[in-house]
Amino acid sequence: MLLPRRCVVERSFGWMARFRRLARDYERLPETLADLSYLVFAIMMAKNFIHLMAHVL
């Protein structure tokens, strides 16, 4: 049985795979990879926020 929110997580990681540096694991330290993941999600959230605000105004 699939979890109800699983598709959201899989979609998010699919979006994250668009960033070339995260498509392959070139990082030596796991902390660096985790930091890059946070950065990617922050960029994606900022884009979504700007798109949402453009439709509101």
PDB file of N, CA and C in Angstrom:
ATOM      1  N   MET A   1       0.842  -1.193   0.000  1.00  0.00           N
ATOM      2  CA  MET A   1       0.000   0.000   0.000  1.00  0.00           C
ATOM      3  C   MET A   1       0.880   1.247   0.000  1.00  0.00           C
ATOM      4  N   LEU A   2       0.574   2.181  -0.871  1.00  0.00           N
ATOM      5  CA  LEU A   2       1.331   3.425  -0.943  1.00  0.00           C
ATOM      6  C   LEU A   2       0.850   4.390   0.137  1.00  0.00           C
ATOM      7  N   LEU A   3       1.776   5.113   0.668  1.00  0.00           N
ATOM      8  CA  LEU A   3       1.425   6.128   1.646  1.00  0.00           C
ATOM      9  C   LEU A   3       0.791   7.319   0.934  1.00  0.00           C
ATOM     10  N   PRO A   4      -0.152   8.017   1.581  1.00  0.00           N
ATOM     11  CA  PRO A   4      -0.865   9.101   0.902  1.00  0.00           C
ATOM     12  C   PRO A   4       0.024  10.246   0.421  1.00  0.00           C
ATOM     13  N   ARG A   5       1.081  10.555   1.110  1.00  0.00           N
ATOM     14  CA  ARG A   5       1.921  11.705   0.753  1.00  0.00           C
ATOM     15  C   ARG A   5       3.185  11.286  -0.005  1.00  0.00           C
ATOM     16  N   ARG A   6       3.284  10.023  -0.350  1.00  0.00           N
ATOM     17  CA  ARG A   6       4.491   9.543  -1.009  1.00  0.00           C
ATOM     18  C   ARG A   6       4.720  10.223  -2.351  1.00  0.00           C
ATOM     19  N   CYS A   7       3.655  10.471  -3.103  1.00  0.00           N
ATOM     20  CA  CYS A   7       3.818  11.087  -4.419  1.00  0.00           C
ATOM     21  C   CYS A   7       4.382  12.504  -4.300  1.00  0.00           C
ATOM     22  N   VAL A   8       4.060  13.200  -3.223  1.00  0.00           N
ATOM     23  CA  VAL A   8       4.589  14.549  -3.018  1.00  0.00           C
ATOM     24  C   VAL A   8       6.104  14.493  -2.823  1.00  0.00           C
ATOM     25  N   VAL A   9       6.551  13.534  -2.046  1.00  0.00           N
ATOM     26  CA  VAL A   9       7.987  13.390  -1.795  1.00  0.00           C
ATOM     27  C   VAL A   9       8.698  12.983  -3.072  1.00  0.00           C
ATOM     28  N   GLU A  10       8.136  12.022  -3.807  1.00  0.00           N
ATOM     29  CA  GLU A  10       8.780  11.581  -5.043  1.00  0.00           C
ATOM     30  C   GLU A  10       8.833  12.710  -6.063  1.00  0.00           C
ATOM     31  N   ARG A  11       7.785  13.519  -6.149  1.00  0.00           N
ATOM     32  CA  ARG A  11       7.773  14.647  -7.075  1.00  0.00           C
ATOM     33  C   ARG A  11       8.830  15.664  -6.679  1.00  0.00           C
ATOM     34  N   SER A  12       8.958  15.923  -5.377  1.00  0.00           N
ATOM     35  CA  SER A  12       9.955  16.883  -4.900  1.00  0.00           C
ATOM     36  C   SER A  12      11.365  16.435  -5.252  1.00  0.00           C
ATOM     37  N   PHE A  13      11.658  15.154  -5.063  1.00  0.00           N
ATOM     38  CA  PHE A  13      12.983  14.658  -5.408  1.00  0.00           C
ATOM     39  C   PHE A  13      13.181  14.630  -6.919  1.00  0.00           C
ATOM     40  N   GLY A  14      12.112  14.462  -7.678  1.00  0.00           N
ATOM     41  CA  GLY A  14      12.209  14.562  -9.137  1.00  0.00           C
ATOM     42  C   GLY A  14      12.584  15.965  -9.562  1.00  0.00           C
ATOM     43  N   TRP A  15      11.967  16.967  -8.935  1.00  0.00           N
ATOM     44  CA  TRP A  15      12.321  18.368  -9.226  1.00  0.00           C
ATOM     45  C   TRP A  15      13.766  18.632  -8.845  1.00  0.00           C
ATOM     46  N   MET A  16      14.180  18.091  -7.709  1.00  0.00           N
ATOM     47  CA  MET A  16      15.530  18.317  -7.225  1.00  0.00           C
ATOM     48  C   MET A  16      16.557  17.700  -8.179  1.00  0.00           C
ATOM     49  N   ALA A  17      16.182  16.632  -8.861  1.00  0.00           N
ATOM     50  CA  ALA A  17      17.104  15.964  -9.780  1.00  0.00           C
ATOM     51  C   ALA A  17      17.426  16.841 -10.983  1.00  0.00           C
ATOM     52  N   ARG A  18      16.639  17.912 -11.216  1.00  0.00           N
ATOM     53  CA  ARG A  18      16.937  18.828 -12.313  1.00  0.00           C
ATOM     54  C   ARG A  18      18.227  19.600 -12.074  1.00  0.00           C
ATOM     55  N   PHE A  19      18.608  19.741 -10.821  1.00  0.00           N
ATOM     56  CA  PHE A  19      19.855  20.424 -10.503  1.00  0.00           C
ATOM     57  C   PHE A  19      20.999  19.445 -10.754  1.00  0.00           C
ATOM     58  N   ARG A  20      21.862  19.770 -11.714  1.00  0.00           N
ATOM     59  CA  ARG A  20      22.885  18.825 -12.171  1.00  0.00           C
ATOM     60  C   ARG A  20      23.786  18.332 -11.057  1.00  0.00           C
ATOM     61  N   ARG A  21      24.138  19.221 -10.150  1.00  0.00           N
ATOM     62  CA  ARG A  21      25.089  18.830  -9.117  1.00  0.00           C
ATOM     63  C   ARG A  21      24.497  17.765  -8.201  1.00  0.00           C
ATOM     64  N   LEU A  22      23.163  17.787  -8.046  1.00  0.00           N
ATOM     65  CA  LEU A  22      22.533  16.797  -7.180  1.00  0.00           C
ATOM     66  C   LEU A  22      22.108  15.546  -7.946  1.00  0.00           C
ATOM     67  N   ALA A  23      22.146  15.595  -9.277  1.00  0.00           N
ATOM     68  CA  ALA A  23      21.777  14.420 -10.061  1.00  0.00           C
ATOM     69  C   ALA A  23      22.792  13.301  -9.861  1.00  0.00           C
ATOM     70  N   ARG A  24      24.027  13.678  -9.642  1.00  0.00           N
ATOM     71  CA  ARG A  24      25.082  12.708  -9.331  1.00  0.00           C
ATOM     72  C   ARG A  24      25.674  13.099  -7.987  1.00  0.00           C
ATOM     73  N   ASP A  25      26.103  12.115  -7.261  1.00  0.00           N
ATOM     74  CA  ASP A  25      26.645  12.384  -5.929  1.00  0.00           C
ATOM     75  C   ASP A  25      28.151  12.598  -6.035  1.00  0.00           C
ATOM     76  N   TYR A  26      28.545  13.861  -6.287  1.00  0.00           N
ATOM     77  CA  TYR A  26      29.956  14.198  -6.384  1.00  0.00           C
ATOM     78  C   TYR A  26      30.547  14.640  -5.050  1.00  0.00           C
ATOM     79  N   GLU A  27      29.713  14.853  -4.078  1.00  0.00           N
ATOM     80  CA  GLU A  27      30.183  15.419  -2.815  1.00  0.00           C
ATOM     81  C   GLU A  27      30.855  14.347  -1.955  1.00  0.00           C
ATOM     82  N   ARG A  28      31.905  14.738  -1.273  1.00  0.00           N
ATOM     83  CA  ARG A  28      32.618  13.807  -0.400  1.00  0.00           C
ATOM     84  C   ARG A  28      31.995  13.759   0.988  1.00  0.00           C
ATOM     85  N   LEU A  29      31.484  14.885   1.439  1.00  0.00           N
ATOM     86  CA  LEU A  29      30.907  14.949   2.784  1.00  0.00           C
ATOM     87  C   LEU A  29      29.379  14.917   2.711  1.00  0.00           C
ATOM     88  N   PRO A  30      28.735  14.102   3.529  1.00  0.00           N
ATOM     89  CA  PRO A  30      27.265  14.067   3.508  1.00  0.00           C
ATOM     90  C   PRO A  30      26.643  15.395   3.934  1.00  0.00           C
ATOM     91  N   GLU A  31      27.355  16.158   4.753  1.00  0.00           N
ATOM     92  CA  GLU A  31      26.833  17.455   5.181  1.00  0.00           C
ATOM     93  C   GLU A  31      26.702  18.405   3.997  1.00  0.00           C
ATOM     94  N   THR A  32      27.653  18.337   3.069  1.00  0.00           N
ATOM     95  CA  THR A  32      27.604  19.195   1.890  1.00  0.00           C
ATOM     96  C   THR A  32      26.398  18.852   1.036  1.00  0.00           C
ATOM     97  N   LEU A  33      26.137  17.567   0.849  1.00  0.00           N
ATOM     98  CA  LEU A  33      24.984  17.142   0.071  1.00  0.00           C
ATOM     99  C   LEU A  33      23.686  17.569   0.743  1.00  0.00           C
ATOM    100  N   ALA A  34      23.623  17.463   2.069  1.00  0.00           N
ATOM    101  CA  ALA A  34      22.432  17.891   2.800  1.00  0.00           C
ATOM    102  C   ALA A  34      22.230  19.399   2.659  1.00  0.00           C
ATOM    103  N   ASP A  35      23.305  20.170   2.757  1.00  0.00           N
ATOM    104  CA  ASP A  35      23.201  21.625   2.608  1.00  0.00           C
ATOM    105  C   ASP A  35      22.736  22.012   1.212  1.00  0.00           C
ATOM    106  N   LEU A  36      23.246  21.328   0.194  1.00  0.00           N
ATOM    107  CA  LEU A  36      22.814  21.604  -1.171  1.00  0.00           C
ATOM    108  C   LEU A  36      21.331  21.264  -1.354  1.00  0.00           C
ATOM    109  N   SER A  37      20.879  20.206  -0.705  1.00  0.00           N
ATOM    110  CA  SER A  37      19.458  19.840  -0.786  1.00  0.00           C
ATOM    111  C   SER A  37      18.590  20.940  -0.192  1.00  0.00           C
ATOM    112  N   TYR A  38      18.983  21.471   0.959  1.00  0.00           N
ATOM    113  CA  TYR A  38      18.230  22.585   1.563  1.00  0.00           C
ATOM    114  C   TYR A  38      18.220  23.792   0.635  1.00  0.00           C
ATOM    115  N   LEU A  39      19.348  24.064   0.012  1.00  0.00           N
ATOM    116  CA  LEU A  39      19.436  25.200  -0.901  1.00  0.00           C
ATOM    117  C   LEU A  39      18.501  25.020  -2.098  1.00  0.00           C
ATOM    118  N   VAL A  40      18.471  23.822  -2.660  1.00  0.00           N
ATOM    119  CA  VAL A  40      17.604  23.552  -3.807  1.00  0.00           C
ATOM    120  C   VAL A  40      16.138  23.719  -3.429  1.00  0.00           C
ATOM    121  N   PHE A  41      15.743  23.168  -2.284  1.00  0.00           N
ATOM    122  CA  PHE A  41      14.346  23.304  -1.870  1.00  0.00           C
ATOM    123  C   PHE A  41      13.993  24.757  -1.568  1.00  0.00           C
ATOM    124  N   ALA A  42      14.936  25.533  -1.051  1.00  0.00           N
ATOM    125  CA  ALA A  42      14.684  26.959  -0.814  1.00  0.00           C
ATOM    126  C   ALA A  42      14.485  27.694  -2.140  1.00  0.00           C
ATOM    127  N   ILE A  43      15.290  27.361  -3.145  1.00  0.00           N
ATOM    128  CA  ILE A  43      15.136  27.980  -4.460  1.00  0.00           C
ATOM    129  C   ILE A  43      13.789  27.614  -5.060  1.00  0.00           C
ATOM    130  N   MET A  44      13.402  26.339  -4.956  1.00  0.00           N
ATOM    131  CA  MET A  44      12.120  25.913  -5.511  1.00  0.00           C
ATOM    132  C   MET A  44      10.951  26.592  -4.796  1.00  0.00           C
ATOM    133  N   MET A  45      11.038  26.730  -3.478  1.00  0.00           N
ATOM    134  CA  MET A  45       9.963  27.399  -2.734  1.00  0.00           C
ATOM    135  C   MET A  45       9.897  28.873  -3.095  1.00  0.00           C
ATOM    136  N   ALA A  46      11.038  29.517  -3.293  1.00  0.00           N
ATOM    137  CA  ALA A  46      11.047  30.928  -3.678  1.00  0.00           C
ATOM    138  C   ALA A  46      10.407  31.117  -5.052  1.00  0.00           C
ATOM    139  N   LYS A  47      10.711  30.219  -5.998  1.00  0.00           N
ATOM    140  CA  LYS A  47      10.090  30.305  -7.325  1.00  0.00           C
ATOM    141  C   LYS A  47       8.581  30.141  -7.234  1.00  0.00           C
ATOM    142  N   ASN A  48       8.135  29.175  -6.424  1.00  0.00           N
ATOM    143  CA  ASN A  48       6.698  28.963  -6.259  1.00  0.00           C
ATOM    144  C   ASN A  48       6.035  30.170  -5.605  1.00  0.00           C
ATOM    145  N   PHE A  49       6.707  30.779  -4.638  1.00  0.00           N
ATOM    146  CA  PHE A  49       6.160  31.947  -3.956  1.00  0.00           C
ATOM    147  C   PHE A  49       6.030  33.124  -4.923  1.00  0.00           C
ATOM    148  N   ILE A  50       7.057  33.341  -5.744  1.00  0.00           N
ATOM    149  CA  ILE A  50       7.009  34.437  -6.720  1.00  0.00           C
ATOM    150  C   ILE A  50       5.895  34.196  -7.734  1.00  0.00           C
ATOM    151  N   HIS A  51       5.757  32.952  -8.183  1.00  0.00           N
ATOM    152  CA  HIS A  51       4.685  32.619  -9.130  1.00  0.00           C
ATOM    153  C   HIS A  51       3.307  32.845  -8.489  1.00  0.00           C
ATOM    154  N   LEU A  52       3.155  32.467  -7.244  1.00  0.00           N
ATOM    155  CA  LEU A  52       1.885  32.659  -6.533  1.00  0.00           C
ATOM    156  C   LEU A  52       1.576  34.128  -6.357  1.00  0.00           C
ATOM    157  N   MET A  53       2.580  34.924  -5.983  1.00  0.00           N
ATOM    158  CA  MET A  53       2.354  36.348  -5.772  1.00  0.00           C
ATOM    159  C   MET A  53       2.029  37.062  -7.089  1.00  0.00           C
ATOM    160  N   ALA A  54       2.572  36.583  -8.191  1.00  0.00           N
ATOM    161  CA  ALA A  54       2.273  37.194  -9.495  1.00  0.00           C
ATOM    162  C   ALA A  54       0.801  36.999  -9.851  1.00  0.00           C
ATOM    163  N   HIS A  55       0.229  35.867  -9.445  1.00  0.00           N
ATOM    164  CA  HIS A  55      -1.186  35.615  -9.746  1.00  0.00           C
ATOM    165  C   HIS A  55      -2.109  36.351  -8.790  1.00  0.00           C
ATOM    166  N   VAL A  56      -1.644  36.626  -7.585  1.00  0.00           N
ATOM    167  CA  VAL A  56      -2.458  37.334  -6.598  1.00  0.00           C
ATOM    168  C   VAL A  56      -2.573  38.802  -6.974  1.00  0.00           C
ATOM    169  N   LEU A  57      -1.478  39.391  -7.434  1.00  0.00           N
ATOM    170  CA  LEU A  57      -1.477  40.815  -7.766  1.00  0.00           C
ATOM    171  C   LEU A  57      -1.995  40.987  -9.124  1.00  0.00           C
TER     172      LEU A  57
END
